Amino acid sequence: MLGPYYGRIVRRSTRQVLTRLEGCFPTGVETFHYGANYLDPKHLAIWFLVPTNADLARARTSGLEERVRDETKVTLARNGYPARSLPDVAVGMDSSENVESGGGRYRYFK
């Protein structure tokens, strides 16, 4: 039997993280997620895409990437995502520039 679909919790959580860290992000940040979390909630990957490689470099040197990862997991738990799965949930940050030059989301994250 398939488990519940957690997409609503994930979308709400990423919006809340973007709002909470609003002044830290460059404009134009996108988020998306994928995985088989309906089979097991640990199968989830969440990505925050900043527009350029320069934005990504600034996020990494300022510690924003780690802060986003931690804040996302805390927010997921607060919104009802299963806590036992959070250590296995992947949260990453990359640039739209890298993704597009790598062939788009499907190819880049494959």
C-alpha atoms as a PDB file:
ATOM      1  CA  MET A   1       0.000   0.000   0.000  1.00  0.00           C
ATOM      2  CA  LEU A   2       1.296   3.433  -0.883  1.00  0.00           C
ATOM      3  CA  GLY A   3       1.729   6.000   1.858  1.00  0.00           C
ATOM      4  CA  PRO A   4       0.397   9.557   1.963  1.00  0.00           C
ATOM      5  CA  TYR A   5       1.536  12.191  -0.463  1.00  0.00           C
ATOM      6  CA  TYR A   6       3.640  14.780   1.328  1.00  0.00           C
ATOM      7  CA  GLY A   7       3.880  17.316  -1.508  1.00  0.00           C
ATOM      8  CA  ARG A   8       1.615  19.820   0.217  1.00  0.00           C
ATOM      9  CA  ILE A   9       3.818  19.831   3.345  1.00  0.00           C
ATOM     10  CA  VAL A  10       6.961  20.207   1.218  1.00  0.00           C
ATOM     11  CA  ARG A  11       5.576  23.117  -0.814  1.00  0.00           C
ATOM     12  CA  ARG A  12       4.318  24.910   2.297  1.00  0.00           C
ATOM     13  CA  SER A  13       7.652  24.373   4.040  1.00  0.00           C
ATOM     14  CA  THR A  14       9.766  25.700   1.170  1.00  0.00           C
ATOM     15  CA  ARG A  15       7.556  28.801   0.904  1.00  0.00           C
ATOM     16  CA  GLN A  16       7.979  29.401   4.632  1.00  0.00           C
ATOM     17  CA  VAL A  17      11.762  29.014   4.401  1.00  0.00           C
ATOM     18  CA  LEU A  18      11.897  31.514   1.527  1.00  0.00           C
ATOM     19  CA  THR A  19       9.777  33.954   3.533  1.00  0.00           C
ATOM     20  CA  ARG A  20      11.771  33.495   6.731  1.00  0.00           C
ATOM     21  CA  LEU A  21      15.115  33.994   4.958  1.00  0.00           C
ATOM     22  CA  GLU A  22      13.819  36.598   2.513  1.00  0.00           C
ATOM     23  CA  GLY A  23      16.567  39.172   2.989  1.00  0.00           C
ATOM     24  CA  CYS A  24      19.295  36.548   2.620  1.00  0.00           C
ATOM     25  CA  PHE A  25      18.318  35.258  -0.837  1.00  0.00           C
ATOM     26  CA  PRO A  26      18.889  36.993  -4.162  1.00  0.00           C
ATOM     27  CA  THR A  27      15.727  37.738  -6.120  1.00  0.00           C
ATOM     28  CA  GLY A  28      14.414  35.029  -8.393  1.00  0.00           C
ATOM     29  CA  VAL A  29      15.048  31.936  -6.255  1.00  0.00           C
ATOM     30  CA  GLU A  30      13.115  28.880  -7.412  1.00  0.00           C
ATOM     31  CA  THR A  31      12.366  25.722  -5.469  1.00  0.00           C
ATOM     32  CA  PHE A  32      11.346  22.265  -6.543  1.00  0.00           C
ATOM     33  CA  HIS A  33      11.281  18.793  -5.104  1.00  0.00           C
ATOM     34  CA  TYR A  34      11.168  15.222  -6.324  1.00  0.00           C
ATOM     35  CA  GLY A  35      11.378  11.711  -4.998  1.00  0.00           C
ATOM     36  CA  ALA A  36       9.282   8.701  -4.101  1.00  0.00           C
ATOM     37  CA  ASN A  37       8.174  10.051  -0.744  1.00  0.00           C
ATOM     38  CA  TYR A  38       4.781   8.379  -1.218  1.00  0.00           C
ATOM     39  CA  LEU A  39       6.629   5.045  -0.877  1.00  0.00           C
ATOM     40  CA  ASP A  40       8.765   6.193   2.018  1.00  0.00           C
ATOM     41  CA  PRO A  41       9.072   9.805   3.216  1.00  0.00           C
ATOM     42  CA  LYS A  42      12.878   9.513   3.332  1.00  0.00           C
ATOM     43  CA  HIS A  43      12.923   9.509  -0.502  1.00  0.00           C
ATOM     44  CA  LEU A  44      12.774  13.265  -0.945  1.00  0.00           C
ATOM     45  CA  ALA A  45      15.092  15.813  -2.511  1.00  0.00           C
ATOM     46  CA  ILE A  46      14.445  19.551  -2.272  1.00  0.00           C
ATOM     47  CA  TRP A  47      16.395  22.081  -4.333  1.00  0.00           C
ATOM     48  CA  PHE A  48      16.707  25.835  -4.001  1.00  0.00           C
ATOM     49  CA  LEU A  49      17.922  27.370  -7.274  1.00  0.00           C
ATOM     50  CA  VAL A  50      19.517  30.805  -7.168  1.00  0.00           C
ATOM     51  CA  PRO A  51      19.770  32.609 -10.529  1.00  0.00           C
ATOM     52  CA  THR A  52      23.543  32.734 -11.144  1.00  0.00           C
ATOM     53  CA  ASN A  53      26.782  31.028 -10.220  1.00  0.00           C
ATOM     54  CA  ALA A  54      27.884  34.248  -8.496  1.00  0.00           C
ATOM     55  CA  ASP A  55      24.758  34.060  -6.292  1.00  0.00           C
ATOM     56  CA  LEU A  56      25.580  30.439  -5.508  1.00  0.00           C
ATOM     57  CA  ALA A  57      29.168  31.311  -4.560  1.00  0.00           C
ATOM     58  CA  ARG A  58      27.922  34.063  -2.229  1.00  0.00           C
ATOM     59  CA  ALA A  59      25.397  31.674  -0.650  1.00  0.00           C
ATOM     60  CA  ARG A  60      28.092  29.102   0.010  1.00  0.00           C
ATOM     61  CA  THR A  61      30.663  31.498   1.449  1.00  0.00           C
ATOM     62  CA  SER A  62      28.105  33.239   3.665  1.00  0.00           C
ATOM     63  CA  GLY A  63      26.797  29.982   5.140  1.00  0.00           C
ATOM     64  CA  LEU A  64      23.363  30.439   3.571  1.00  0.00           C
ATOM     65  CA  GLU A  65      23.429  26.976   2.008  1.00  0.00           C
ATOM     66  CA  GLU A  66      23.793  25.282   5.417  1.00  0.00           C
ATOM     67  CA  ARG A  67      21.252  27.603   6.969  1.00  0.00           C
ATOM     68  CA  VAL A  68      18.715  26.753   4.249  1.00  0.00           C
ATOM     69  CA  ARG A  69      19.315  23.027   4.754  1.00  0.00           C
ATOM     70  CA  ASP A  70      18.819  23.254   8.518  1.00  0.00           C
ATOM     71  CA  GLU A  71      15.850  25.618   8.315  1.00  0.00           C
ATOM     72  CA  THR A  72      14.129  23.438   5.709  1.00  0.00           C
ATOM     73  CA  LYS A  73      14.347  20.318   7.855  1.00  0.00           C
ATOM     74  CA  VAL A  74      13.119  22.149  10.953  1.00  0.00           C
ATOM     75  CA  THR A  75      10.221  23.621   8.978  1.00  0.00           C
ATOM     76  CA  LEU A  76       9.316  20.258   7.450  1.00  0.00           C
ATOM     77  CA  ALA A  77       9.112  18.740  10.933  1.00  0.00           C
ATOM     78  CA  ARG A  78       7.066  21.668  12.224  1.00  0.00           C
ATOM     79  CA  ASN A  79       4.592  21.197   9.362  1.00  0.00           C
ATOM     80  CA  GLY A  80       4.125  17.484  10.010  1.00  0.00           C
ATOM     81  CA  TYR A  81       6.681  15.714   7.835  1.00  0.00           C
ATOM     82  CA  PRO A  82       7.768  12.471   9.562  1.00  0.00           C
ATOM     83  CA  ALA A  83      10.725  13.285  11.829  1.00  0.00           C
ATOM     84  CA  ARG A  84      12.242   9.820  11.441  1.00  0.00           C
ATOM     85  CA  SER A  85      12.798  10.531   7.723  1.00  0.00           C
ATOM     86  CA  LEU A  86      14.439  13.940   8.020  1.00  0.00           C
ATOM     87  CA  PRO A  87      18.047  12.699   8.325  1.00  0.00           C
ATOM     88  CA  ASP A  88      17.661  11.076   4.888  1.00  0.00           C
ATOM     89  CA  VAL A  89      15.934  14.006   3.174  1.00  0.00           C
ATOM     90  CA  ALA A  90      18.297  15.796   0.788  1.00  0.00           C
ATOM     91  CA  VAL A  91      18.195  19.594   0.678  1.00  0.00           C
ATOM     92  CA  GLY A  92      20.486  21.291  -1.797  1.00  0.00           C
ATOM     93  CA  MET A  93      21.245  24.576  -3.451  1.00  0.00           C
ATOM     94  CA  ASP A  94      22.469  25.186  -6.980  1.00  0.00           C
ATOM     95  CA  SER A  95      22.192  27.845  -9.647  1.00  0.00           C
ATOM     96  CA  SER A  96      19.740  28.034 -12.515  1.00  0.00           C
ATOM     97  CA  GLU A  97      22.760  28.884 -14.647  1.00  0.00           C
ATOM     98  CA  ASN A  98      24.360  25.481 -13.890  1.00  0.00           C
ATOM     99  CA  VAL A  99      21.101  23.635 -14.430  1.00  0.00           C
ATOM    100  CA  GLU A 100      20.428  25.241 -17.817  1.00  0.00           C
ATOM    101  CA  SER A 101      23.982  24.710 -19.057  1.00  0.00           C
ATOM    102  CA  GLY A 102      23.710  21.089 -17.884  1.00  0.00           C
ATOM    103  CA  GLY A 103      20.699  20.366 -20.074  1.00  0.00           C
ATOM    104  CA  GLY A 104      17.784  21.362 -17.858  1.00  0.00           C
ATOM    105  CA  ARG A 105      16.407  19.964 -14.623  1.00  0.00           C
ATOM    106  CA  TYR A 106      15.758  16.438 -15.839  1.00  0.00           C
ATOM    107  CA  ARG A 107      19.251  15.917 -17.249  1.00  0.00           C
ATOM    108  CA  TYR A 108      21.111  17.855 -14.591  1.00  0.00           C
ATOM    109  CA  PHE A 109      19.569  16.100 -11.609  1.00  0.00           C
ATOM    110  CA  LYS A 110      19.396  12.643 -13.167  1.00  0.00           C
END
